[in-house]
N, C-alpha and C. Protein backbone atom coordinates (compact mmCIF):
# COMPACT_ATOMS: atom_id res chain seq x y z
N MET A 1 -12.78 -34.44 18.16
CA MET A 1 -11.52 -33.95 18.19
C MET A 1 -11.02 -32.84 16.30
N ARG A 2 -11.19 -33.34 15.50
CA ARG A 2 -11.05 -33.18 14.42
C ARG A 2 -11.74 -32.08 14.48
N ALA A 3 -12.95 -31.95 14.49
CA ALA A 3 -14.12 -30.76 14.49
C ALA A 3 -13.24 -29.57 15.53
N ALA A 4 -12.58 -29.65 16.47
CA ALA A 4 -12.19 -28.74 17.33
C ALA A 4 -10.86 -28.34 16.77
N ARG A 5 -9.92 -29.46 16.11
CA ARG A 5 -8.50 -28.98 15.34
C ARG A 5 -8.96 -27.84 14.09
N ALA A 6 -10.14 -28.20 13.44
CA ALA A 6 -10.14 -27.33 12.14
C ALA A 6 -10.87 -25.96 12.96
N THR A 7 -11.91 -26.18 14.00
CA THR A 7 -12.21 -24.69 14.63
C THR A 7 -11.01 -23.81 14.48
N LEU A 8 -9.37 -24.57 15.62
CA LEU A 8 -8.56 -23.98 15.69
C LEU A 8 -7.38 -23.37 14.46
N LEU A 9 -7.80 -23.89 13.62
CA LEU A 9 -6.87 -23.88 12.62
C LEU A 9 -7.80 -22.71 11.84
N ALA A 10 -9.01 -22.77 11.83
CA ALA A 10 -9.60 -21.66 11.18
C ALA A 10 -9.44 -19.88 11.90
N LEU A 11 -9.67 -20.27 13.49
CA LEU A 11 -9.13 -19.39 14.15
C LEU A 11 -7.87 -18.54 13.98
N SER A 12 -7.16 -19.63 14.24
CA SER A 12 -5.64 -19.50 13.62
C SER A 12 -5.43 -18.53 12.76
N LEU A 13 -6.06 -18.60 11.12
CA LEU A 13 -5.89 -18.26 10.32
C LEU A 13 -6.57 -16.92 10.04
N ALA A 14 -7.59 -16.60 10.72
CA ALA A 14 -8.35 -15.35 10.91
C ALA A 14 -7.63 -14.66 11.62
N LEU A 15 -7.05 -14.97 12.84
CA LEU A 15 -6.39 -14.02 13.54
C LEU A 15 -4.72 -13.62 12.61
N THR A 16 -4.43 -14.39 12.26
CA THR A 16 -3.06 -14.06 11.13
C THR A 16 -3.56 -12.96 10.18
N ALA A 17 -4.66 -13.29 9.53
CA ALA A 17 -5.17 -12.22 8.48
C ALA A 17 -5.59 -10.60 9.25
N CYS A 18 -6.09 -10.94 10.51
CA CYS A 18 -6.35 -9.33 11.10
C CYS A 18 -4.94 -8.77 11.41
N ALA A 19 -3.73 -9.37 12.11
CA ALA A 19 -2.87 -9.09 12.84
C ALA A 19 -2.15 -8.25 11.43
N SER A 20 -2.15 -9.56 10.06
CA SER A 20 -1.53 -8.68 8.69
C SER A 20 -2.35 -7.33 8.43
N ALA A 21 -3.69 -7.40 8.66
CA ALA A 21 -4.28 -6.03 8.20
C ALA A 21 -3.95 -4.87 9.06
N SER A 22 -3.72 -4.99 10.53
CA SER A 22 -3.04 -4.12 11.41
C SER A 22 -2.13 -3.71 10.79
N ILE A 23 -1.10 -4.45 10.53
CA ILE A 23 0.53 -3.98 10.32
C ILE A 23 0.30 -3.03 9.48
N GLN A 24 -0.50 -3.70 8.11
CA GLN A 24 -0.53 -2.59 6.54
C GLN A 24 -1.20 -0.99 7.37
N ARG A 25 -2.28 -1.36 7.84
CA ARG A 25 -2.87 0.08 8.23
C ARG A 25 -1.94 0.93 9.13
N GLY A 26 -1.36 0.13 10.19
CA GLY A 26 -0.20 1.19 11.33
C GLY A 26 0.81 1.22 10.43
N ALA A 27 1.46 1.12 9.04
CA ALA A 27 2.49 1.51 8.49
C ALA A 27 1.67 2.80 7.38
N VAL A 28 0.21 2.38 7.34
CA VAL A 28 0.01 3.64 6.47
C VAL A 28 -0.45 5.19 6.98
N LEU A 29 -0.54 4.56 8.70
CA LEU A 29 -0.46 6.19 9.78
C LEU A 29 0.80 6.19 9.70
N ARG A 30 1.82 5.59 10.02
CA ARG A 30 3.30 5.93 10.12
C ARG A 30 3.72 6.47 9.22
N SER A 31 3.46 6.07 7.83
CA SER A 31 4.13 6.25 6.54
C SER A 31 3.55 8.05 6.52
N THR A 32 2.62 7.86 6.35
CA THR A 32 1.99 9.25 6.02
C THR A 32 2.18 10.44 6.76
N GLY A 33 2.26 10.39 8.14
CA GLY A 33 3.41 11.10 8.95
C GLY A 33 3.89 11.68 8.31
N MET A 34 5.34 10.63 8.02
CA MET A 34 6.48 10.22 7.97
C MET A 34 6.43 11.33 6.66
N ILE A 35 5.58 11.47 5.59
CA ILE A 35 5.66 12.23 4.49
C ILE A 35 5.33 13.20 4.46
N GLN A 36 4.09 13.31 5.71
CA GLN A 36 3.80 15.14 5.58
C GLN A 36 5.31 15.50 6.52
N GLU A 37 6.34 14.88 7.06
CA GLU A 37 7.02 15.40 7.19
C GLU A 37 8.33 15.27 6.78
N SER A 38 7.84 15.31 5.64
CA SER A 38 9.80 14.86 4.48
C SER A 38 10.26 14.13 4.78
N GLN A 39 9.62 12.97 5.19
CA GLN A 39 10.70 11.96 6.00
C GLN A 39 11.07 10.60 4.86
N PHE A 40 10.63 10.86 3.31
CA PHE A 40 10.65 10.56 2.20
C PHE A 40 11.52 9.00 3.02
N ALA A 41 12.47 8.89 2.96
CA ALA A 41 13.05 7.44 2.93
C ALA A 41 12.99 6.72 3.64
N ALA A 42 12.44 7.47 5.39
CA ALA A 42 12.30 6.45 6.11
C ALA A 42 10.41 6.00 5.84
N ALA A 43 9.89 6.77 5.36
CA ALA A 43 8.38 6.42 5.03
C ALA A 43 8.57 5.10 3.73
N LEU A 44 9.30 5.38 3.13
CA LEU A 44 9.86 4.33 2.12
C LEU A 44 10.14 2.96 2.76
N ALA A 45 10.89 3.01 3.58
CA ALA A 45 11.29 1.86 4.24
C ALA A 45 10.64 1.06 4.66
N ASP A 46 9.90 1.63 5.35
CA ASP A 46 8.27 1.23 6.25
C ASP A 46 7.69 1.03 5.68
N ILE A 47 7.00 1.62 4.66
CA ILE A 47 6.47 0.81 3.46
C ILE A 47 6.49 -0.86 2.63
N ASP A 48 7.97 -0.46 2.19
CA ASP A 48 8.51 -1.70 1.75
C ASP A 48 8.54 -2.75 2.88
N GLY A 49 8.99 -2.32 4.31
CA GLY A 49 8.77 -3.63 5.24
C GLY A 49 7.41 -4.26 5.63
N ALA A 50 6.30 -3.41 5.49
CA ALA A 50 4.91 -3.71 5.31
C ALA A 50 4.21 -4.30 4.06
N ILE A 51 4.67 -4.04 3.05
CA ILE A 51 3.92 -4.79 1.86
C ILE A 51 4.41 -6.50 1.66
N PRO A 52 3.25 -7.08 2.28
CA PRO A 52 3.66 -8.60 2.41
C PRO A 52 3.32 -9.31 1.01
N GLU A 53 3.79 -10.35 1.01
CA GLU A 53 4.02 -11.27 -0.23
C GLU A 53 2.49 -11.79 -0.22
N GLU A 54 1.67 -11.67 0.49
CA GLU A 54 0.55 -12.25 0.40
C GLU A 54 -0.45 -12.40 1.91
N ASP A 55 -1.74 -12.31 1.69
CA ASP A 55 -2.57 -12.53 2.69
C ASP A 55 -2.49 -10.94 2.99
N ALA A 56 -2.72 -10.16 1.94
CA ALA A 56 -2.77 -8.58 2.35
C ALA A 56 -4.32 -8.09 2.32
N ALA A 57 -4.40 -7.08 2.91
CA ALA A 57 -5.95 -6.47 3.01
C ALA A 57 -5.68 -5.17 1.65
N PRO A 58 -6.78 -5.73 0.70
CA PRO A 58 -6.57 -4.57 -0.77
C PRO A 58 -6.62 -3.68 -0.21
N ASP A 59 -7.48 -2.71 0.47
CA ASP A 59 -7.38 -1.16 0.79
C ASP A 59 -6.33 -0.67 1.25
N ALA A 60 -5.87 -1.49 2.46
CA ALA A 60 -4.65 -0.95 2.99
C ALA A 60 -3.40 -1.32 2.24
N LEU A 61 -3.13 -2.21 1.45
CA LEU A 61 -2.37 -2.48 0.54
C LEU A 61 -2.06 -1.59 -1.14
N ASN A 62 -3.37 -1.11 -1.16
CA ASN A 62 -3.71 -0.20 -2.25
C ASN A 62 -2.94 1.27 -1.68
N GLU A 63 -3.40 1.76 -0.61
CA GLU A 63 -2.97 3.10 0.06
C GLU A 63 -1.56 2.85 0.44
N LEU A 64 -0.75 1.92 0.47
CA LEU A 64 0.71 1.37 0.97
C LEU A 64 1.46 1.71 -0.83
N TYR A 65 0.49 1.14 -1.94
CA TYR A 65 1.24 1.50 -3.11
C TYR A 65 1.33 3.14 -3.07
N MET A 66 0.36 3.44 -3.07
CA MET A 66 -0.13 5.09 -3.40
C MET A 66 1.05 5.66 -2.45
N LEU A 67 0.99 5.59 -1.36
CA LEU A 67 1.99 6.37 -0.44
C LEU A 67 3.57 5.96 -0.93
N ARG A 68 3.91 4.67 -1.16
CA ARG A 68 5.21 4.54 -2.00
C ARG A 68 5.56 5.29 -3.14
N GLY A 69 4.56 5.36 -4.09
CA GLY A 69 4.54 6.63 -4.99
C GLY A 69 5.16 7.79 -4.28
N GLU A 70 4.16 8.11 -3.49
CA GLU A 70 4.50 9.72 -2.97
C GLU A 70 5.97 9.91 -2.20
N ALA A 71 6.10 8.92 -1.81
CA ALA A 71 7.81 8.76 -0.70
C ALA A 71 9.15 9.06 -2.33
N LEU A 72 8.50 7.71 -3.13
CA LEU A 72 9.80 8.22 -3.81
C LEU A 72 9.82 9.08 -4.69
N GLU A 73 8.38 9.89 -5.27
CA GLU A 73 8.62 11.65 -5.56
C GLU A 73 9.20 12.31 -4.61
N GLY A 74 9.18 12.23 -3.40
CA GLY A 74 9.94 12.90 -2.77
C GLY A 74 11.19 13.02 -2.42
N LEU A 75 11.80 11.53 -3.08
CA LEU A 75 13.15 11.47 -2.86
C LEU A 75 13.93 12.13 -4.49
N GLY A 76 12.62 12.68 -5.23
CA GLY A 76 13.20 12.92 -6.93
C GLY A 76 13.37 11.55 -7.57
N ARG A 77 12.63 10.71 -7.34
CA ARG A 77 12.48 9.03 -8.13
C ARG A 77 11.47 9.31 -9.12
N LYS A 78 11.03 10.52 -10.14
CA LYS A 78 9.74 10.56 -10.45
C LYS A 78 9.69 9.30 -11.49
N GLU A 79 10.41 8.44 -11.82
CA GLU A 79 10.00 7.74 -12.73
C GLU A 79 9.54 6.46 -11.94
N GLU A 80 10.04 6.13 -11.31
CA GLU A 80 9.82 5.12 -10.31
C GLU A 80 8.53 5.37 -9.49
N ALA A 81 8.30 6.92 -9.23
CA ALA A 81 6.85 6.92 -8.72
C ALA A 81 5.74 6.65 -9.87
N ILE A 82 6.07 7.37 -11.02
CA ILE A 82 5.24 7.02 -12.37
C ILE A 82 4.56 5.69 -12.29
N ALA A 83 6.12 4.92 -12.56
CA ALA A 83 5.34 3.59 -12.45
C ALA A 83 4.91 2.74 -11.59
N GLN A 84 5.20 3.43 -10.15
CA GLN A 84 3.86 2.76 -8.66
C GLN A 84 2.63 3.16 -9.11
N TYR A 85 2.63 4.39 -9.71
CA TYR A 85 0.71 4.73 -9.80
C TYR A 85 0.79 4.25 -11.05
N GLU A 86 1.11 3.90 -12.15
CA GLU A 86 0.75 3.06 -13.07
C GLU A 86 0.39 1.75 -12.71
N SER A 87 1.30 1.27 -11.92
CA SER A 87 1.13 -0.20 -11.39
C SER A 87 -0.33 -0.21 -11.12
N LEU A 88 -0.78 0.54 -10.09
CA LEU A 88 -1.89 0.74 -9.20
C LEU A 88 -2.87 0.62 -9.81
N LEU A 89 -2.90 1.48 -10.87
CA LEU A 89 -3.99 1.92 -12.05
C LEU A 89 -4.06 0.34 -12.56
N ARG A 90 -2.97 -0.25 -12.73
CA ARG A 90 -3.24 -1.55 -13.58
C ARG A 90 -3.90 -2.76 -12.92
N ASP A 91 -3.51 -2.59 -11.50
CA ASP A 91 -4.06 -3.71 -10.54
C ASP A 91 -5.33 -3.64 -10.35
N ASP A 92 -5.65 -2.36 -9.85
CA ASP A 92 -6.90 -2.36 -9.25
C ASP A 92 -7.46 -0.67 -9.31
N PRO A 93 -7.74 -0.81 -10.67
CA PRO A 93 -8.35 0.61 -11.39
C PRO A 93 -9.63 1.67 -10.69
N SER A 94 -10.71 0.90 -9.84
CA SER A 94 -11.62 1.29 -9.00
C SER A 94 -11.20 1.79 -7.97
N SER A 95 -10.27 1.20 -7.44
CA SER A 95 -9.85 1.30 -5.94
C SER A 95 -10.01 3.12 -5.84
N ALA A 96 -9.82 3.93 -4.38
CA ALA A 96 -9.57 4.98 -3.97
C ALA A 96 -8.70 5.63 -4.28
N ALA A 97 -7.41 4.69 -4.22
CA ALA A 97 -6.19 4.93 -4.24
C ALA A 97 -5.95 5.11 -5.81
N ALA A 98 -6.65 4.21 -6.76
CA ALA A 98 -6.03 4.57 -8.02
C ALA A 98 -6.50 5.85 -8.62
N PHE A 99 -7.83 6.52 -7.96
CA PHE A 99 -7.85 7.69 -7.97
C PHE A 99 -7.01 8.76 -8.00
N GLN A 100 -6.27 8.40 -6.88
CA GLN A 100 -5.23 9.04 -6.45
C GLN A 100 -4.68 9.46 -6.76
N ALA A 101 -3.82 8.23 -7.46
CA ALA A 101 -2.85 7.57 -8.53
C ALA A 101 -3.10 8.59 -9.75
N ARG A 102 -4.36 8.59 -10.65
CA ARG A 102 -4.18 9.42 -11.57
C ARG A 102 -4.32 11.15 -11.40
N GLY A 103 -4.68 11.17 -10.13
CA GLY A 103 -4.36 13.50 -10.29
C GLY A 103 -2.71 12.97 -9.99
N ARG A 104 -1.91 12.25 -9.36
CA ARG A 104 -0.33 12.50 -9.46
C ARG A 104 0.21 12.36 -10.74
N LEU A 105 -0.40 11.40 -11.27
CA LEU A 105 0.35 11.01 -12.68
C LEU A 105 -0.15 12.68 -13.56
N VAL A 106 -1.43 12.70 -13.74
CA VAL A 106 -1.52 14.10 -14.33
C VAL A 106 -0.90 15.41 -13.97
N GLN A 107 -0.61 15.32 -12.68
CA GLN A 107 0.43 16.58 -11.88
C GLN A 107 1.57 16.45 -12.23
N LEU A 108 1.97 15.00 -12.82
CA LEU A 108 3.53 14.80 -12.85
C LEU A 108 3.58 15.06 -14.77
N GLY A 109 2.83 14.86 -15.44
CA GLY A 109 2.57 15.35 -16.72
C GLY A 109 2.36 13.70 -17.48
N ARG A 110 1.58 13.33 -17.01
CA ARG A 110 1.68 11.79 -17.60
C ARG A 110 -0.21 11.72 -18.00
N ARG A 111 0.08 11.32 -18.76
CA ARG A 111 -1.56 11.39 -19.16
C ARG A 111 -1.90 9.66 -19.24
N CYS A 112 -3.67 9.36 -18.18
CA CYS A 112 -3.70 8.06 -18.22
C CYS A 112 -5.22 7.94 -18.53
N THR A 113 -5.16 6.42 -18.40
CA THR A 113 -6.60 6.08 -18.90
C THR A 113 -7.14 5.68 -17.97
N PRO A 114 -8.74 6.06 -18.07
CA PRO A 114 -9.66 6.41 -16.89
C PRO A 114 -10.07 5.09 -16.01
């Protein structure tokens, strides 16, 4: 009986993690489209609603943070965008999103560390 409960708990946790990653990936796709259509406020709201407090899929979360910076830029909130990019570089400097953040920082006239 205990083994069955443990198996059900493990399955439940795995499904929750998968659902969280799916929500994040869906937000990445939606927000990318919104940003391409210059719907920056809607993209920012969608991104902020998809950023979890825990159990995040790292790659999707990094993409959301990168898109968040782009949405902030589109809204003319340059300093907040820069802070978002710099935070991404500090938190996961070797990620693909950090590579993009470096490029955005250079385009915004900021020096960034390798």
